[in-house]
Amino acid sequence: MTGQPVMPHKISLLRAVEQLCYQVSHYLLRSEKEAAAASEEALTILFRDPRFLEASDEERSAIAKKTAISAALKRAAANCSHAKQKELSSPVQPNM
């Protein structure tokens, strides 16, 4: 890395993969709101990952894609679990 301060450098690297994270998340979740939340989570994880900072451009894209997939799948699983709990706790309506 050059003499560039770490924080601005990290931010510029994250901006380079921000759209990729959103696109991957949106493809998997099919919801703008959920994709935005998943991609935000992925970018937060990438910010803390030292491998992301040290990787080549190609490796950074691969790391970002894997991280976005993981964040989207975790979000989908949480939503399914929440929906299942809601379904199980709702009262059954009698058939008439």
Protein backbone atom coordinates (compact mmCIF):
# COMPACT_ATOMS: atom_id res chain seq x y z
CA MET A 1 0.00 0.00 0.00
CA THR A 2 1.23 3.52 -0.71
CA GLY A 3 1.45 6.36 1.78
CA GLN A 4 -2.32 6.88 1.53
CA PRO A 5 -4.07 6.93 4.95
CA VAL A 6 -5.78 3.63 5.76
CA MET A 7 -9.35 4.86 6.33
CA PRO A 8 -9.78 6.72 3.01
CA HIS A 9 -8.10 3.79 1.23
CA LYS A 10 -10.51 1.28 2.82
CA ILE A 11 -13.49 3.45 1.88
CA SER A 12 -12.37 3.70 -1.75
CA LEU A 13 -11.92 -0.09 -1.89
CA LEU A 14 -15.39 -0.61 -0.43
CA ARG A 15 -16.94 1.82 -2.90
CA ALA A 16 -15.42 -0.22 -5.71
CA VAL A 17 -17.40 -3.32 -4.62
CA GLU A 18 -20.50 -1.64 -3.21
CA GLN A 19 -22.60 -2.15 -6.35
CA LEU A 20 -21.44 -5.77 -6.68
CA CYS A 21 -22.56 -6.50 -3.10
CA TYR A 22 -25.96 -4.95 -3.74
CA GLN A 23 -26.45 -6.75 -7.07
CA VAL A 24 -25.59 -10.15 -5.59
CA SER A 25 -27.82 -9.53 -2.58
CA HIS A 26 -30.71 -8.33 -4.73
CA TYR A 27 -30.41 -11.32 -7.05
CA LEU A 28 -30.70 -13.68 -4.08
CA LEU A 29 -33.27 -11.80 -2.00
CA ARG A 30 -35.44 -10.19 -4.73
CA SER A 31 -36.14 -7.23 -2.47
CA GLU A 32 -34.57 -3.78 -2.59
CA LYS A 33 -34.96 -3.27 1.15
CA GLU A 34 -33.49 -6.65 2.06
CA ALA A 35 -30.70 -6.31 -0.51
CA ALA A 36 -29.72 -2.91 0.86
CA ALA A 37 -29.56 -4.31 4.39
CA ALA A 38 -27.59 -7.40 3.31
CA SER A 39 -25.12 -5.39 1.25
CA GLU A 40 -24.63 -2.97 4.16
CA GLU A 41 -23.85 -5.94 6.39
CA ALA A 42 -21.45 -7.34 3.78
CA LEU A 43 -19.63 -4.01 3.47
CA THR A 44 -19.30 -3.79 7.25
CA ILE A 45 -17.77 -7.26 7.33
CA LEU A 46 -15.40 -6.35 4.49
CA PHE A 47 -14.35 -3.17 6.31
CA ARG A 48 -13.13 -5.31 9.22
CA ASP A 49 -11.49 -8.00 7.06
CA PRO A 50 -7.72 -7.45 6.72
CA ARG A 51 -7.61 -9.87 3.74
CA PHE A 52 -9.86 -7.49 1.80
CA LEU A 53 -7.46 -4.59 2.26
CA GLU A 54 -4.41 -6.60 1.19
CA ALA A 55 -5.98 -8.48 -1.76
CA SER A 56 -5.63 -7.76 -5.46
CA ASP A 57 -8.59 -6.21 -7.31
CA GLU A 58 -9.68 -9.62 -8.61
CA GLU A 59 -9.39 -11.23 -5.17
CA ARG A 60 -11.28 -8.31 -3.58
CA SER A 61 -14.17 -8.85 -5.98
CA ALA A 62 -14.27 -12.56 -5.14
CA ILE A 63 -14.13 -11.85 -1.40
CA ALA A 64 -16.88 -9.23 -1.74
CA LYS A 65 -19.10 -11.59 -3.73
CA LYS A 66 -18.70 -14.42 -1.21
CA THR A 67 -19.36 -12.05 1.67
CA ALA A 68 -22.48 -10.64 -0.01
CA ILE A 69 -23.79 -14.14 -0.68
CA SER A 70 -23.23 -15.09 2.94
CA ALA A 71 -24.93 -11.95 4.26
CA ALA A 72 -27.91 -12.40 1.91
CA LEU A 73 -28.34 -16.06 2.85
CA LYS A 74 -28.17 -15.25 6.57
CA ARG A 75 -30.80 -12.57 6.04
CA ALA A 76 -33.02 -14.97 4.07
CA ALA A 77 -32.67 -17.64 6.76
CA ALA A 78 -33.56 -15.14 9.49
CA ASN A 79 -36.61 -14.01 7.52
CA CYS A 80 -37.73 -17.62 6.99
CA SER A 81 -37.28 -18.37 10.67
CA HIS A 82 -39.23 -15.25 11.64
CA ALA A 83 -42.03 -16.11 9.19
CA LYS A 84 -42.19 -19.68 10.49
CA GLN A 85 -42.41 -18.47 14.10
CA LYS A 86 -45.16 -16.06 13.14
CA GLU A 87 -47.02 -18.82 11.32
CA LEU A 88 -46.75 -21.16 14.31
CA SER A 89 -47.86 -18.55 16.81
CA SER A 90 -50.86 -17.23 14.87
CA PRO A 91 -54.24 -18.60 15.95
CA VAL A 92 -55.90 -21.13 13.67
CA GLN A 93 -59.13 -19.93 12.08
CA PRO A 94 -61.87 -22.60 12.04
CA ASN A 95 -63.28 -23.59 8.66
CA MET A 96 -66.93 -22.84 8.20
